[in-house]
Amino acid sequence: MLTKRLPVVKVRIHTIAGLKEVLGHGDIELPVPQGATIRALLALMVKRWGEGLVPYFSDFDHARPLPHVRILVRGQDIAFLDGIDTQLSEGDEVLILPLVGGG
């Protein structure tokens, strides 16, 4: 029996600081299923890079980004879109900005 595969779209992820170190780069292109949301993207990232990624951007007990993390899609904060359920499209750029300390 053949299983039907969903078409994929490519999105670019940009990040900084500790999250950049976990991912190995600050700029990554990642294929996601067509119609995927930010929630699905974050879950895919954890599956690919491991649970050590979670503290940088998400509280999966509540399935939402941590309050000090900013996630932007197409240059807009997801708080002004559909939040974690913001749908991704081909070529979207996702900027994940975790809290950065210092001074």
Protein backbone atom coordinates (compact mmCIF):
# COMPACT_ATOMS: atom_id res chain seq x y z
CA MET A 1 0.00 0.00 0.00
CA LEU A 2 1.33 3.43 -0.93
CA THR A 3 1.07 6.34 1.44
CA LYS A 4 0.41 9.76 0.06
CA ARG A 5 3.04 12.31 1.02
CA LEU A 6 2.04 15.89 1.64
CA PRO A 7 3.73 18.51 -0.52
CA VAL A 8 6.41 20.46 1.31
CA VAL A 9 7.33 24.12 1.37
CA LYS A 10 10.68 25.57 2.34
CA VAL A 11 10.96 28.19 5.06
CA ARG A 12 14.04 30.05 6.31
CA ILE A 13 14.72 30.22 10.02
CA HIS A 14 16.89 33.02 11.38
CA THR A 15 18.01 33.19 14.99
CA ILE A 16 20.76 34.43 17.31
CA ALA A 17 22.75 33.62 20.46
CA GLY A 18 22.30 30.29 22.24
CA LEU A 19 19.63 29.05 19.89
CA LYS A 20 21.99 29.68 16.98
CA GLU A 21 24.59 27.52 18.72
CA VAL A 22 22.14 24.63 19.24
CA LEU A 23 21.08 24.71 15.58
CA GLY A 24 24.65 25.05 14.37
CA HIS A 25 23.83 28.10 12.24
CA GLY A 26 21.86 31.31 12.56
CA ASP A 27 20.30 30.80 9.14
CA ILE A 28 18.64 27.51 8.19
CA GLU A 29 16.34 26.43 5.39
CA LEU A 30 13.89 23.76 6.50
CA PRO A 31 11.22 21.89 4.54
CA VAL A 32 7.85 21.66 6.30
CA PRO A 33 4.56 20.10 5.17
CA GLN A 34 2.38 22.46 3.16
CA GLY A 35 -0.06 24.16 5.56
CA ALA A 36 2.26 23.76 8.58
CA THR A 37 1.99 26.27 11.41
CA ILE A 38 4.55 27.79 13.76
CA ARG A 39 3.46 25.14 16.29
CA ALA A 40 4.35 22.38 13.78
CA LEU A 41 7.63 24.11 12.89
CA LEU A 42 8.72 24.26 16.54
CA ALA A 43 7.80 20.58 17.03
CA LEU A 44 9.75 19.66 13.89
CA MET A 45 12.76 21.62 15.14
CA VAL A 46 12.68 19.78 18.50
CA LYS A 47 12.40 16.45 16.70
CA ARG A 48 15.40 17.32 14.52
CA TRP A 49 17.69 19.05 17.06
CA GLY A 50 16.50 17.49 20.33
CA GLU A 51 14.77 18.43 23.57
CA GLY A 52 17.64 20.77 24.49
CA LEU A 53 16.05 23.24 22.10
CA VAL A 54 12.80 23.62 24.06
CA PRO A 55 14.03 25.99 26.82
CA TYR A 56 15.12 28.53 24.22
CA PHE A 57 11.69 29.24 22.82
CA SER A 58 8.77 27.18 24.01
CA ASP A 59 6.77 25.87 26.90
CA PHE A 60 5.40 22.70 25.37
CA ASP A 61 3.28 21.99 28.48
CA HIS A 62 1.19 24.95 27.37
CA ALA A 63 2.04 24.65 23.65
CA ARG A 64 3.02 28.29 23.32
CA PRO A 65 6.17 30.36 22.96
CA LEU A 66 7.65 31.70 26.18
CA PRO A 67 6.66 35.32 26.87
CA HIS A 68 10.19 36.68 26.39
CA VAL A 69 10.59 35.09 22.95
CA ARG A 70 9.65 36.94 19.79
CA ILE A 71 8.74 34.96 16.69
CA LEU A 72 8.22 36.88 13.48
CA VAL A 73 6.89 35.56 10.17
CA ARG A 74 7.21 37.69 7.06
CA GLY A 75 8.46 40.50 9.33
CA GLN A 76 5.39 40.48 11.60
CA ASP A 77 5.26 39.32 15.21
CA ILE A 78 3.02 36.24 15.39
CA ALA A 79 1.18 37.96 18.28
CA PHE A 80 -0.40 40.16 15.59
CA LEU A 81 -1.12 37.24 13.25
CA ASP A 82 -2.62 33.90 14.38
CA GLY A 83 -0.11 33.32 17.17
CA ILE A 84 1.45 29.88 17.27
CA ASP A 85 -1.16 28.76 14.73
CA THR A 86 0.16 31.17 12.08
CA GLN A 87 0.37 29.20 8.86
CA LEU A 88 3.61 29.05 6.89
CA SER A 89 3.97 29.41 3.12
CA GLU A 90 6.72 28.72 0.59
CA GLY A 91 9.67 31.07 1.10
CA ASP A 92 8.53 32.45 4.46
CA GLU A 93 11.22 33.79 6.74
CA VAL A 94 10.80 32.97 10.42
CA LEU A 95 12.82 34.99 12.90
CA ILE A 96 13.10 33.49 16.41
CA LEU A 97 14.54 35.89 18.96
CA PRO A 98 15.13 34.29 22.38
CA LEU A 99 15.99 36.38 25.42
CA VAL A 100 19.58 37.58 25.26
CA GLY A 101 21.28 38.82 28.42
CA GLY A 102 24.40 40.84 28.86
CA GLY A 103 25.48 44.35 29.27
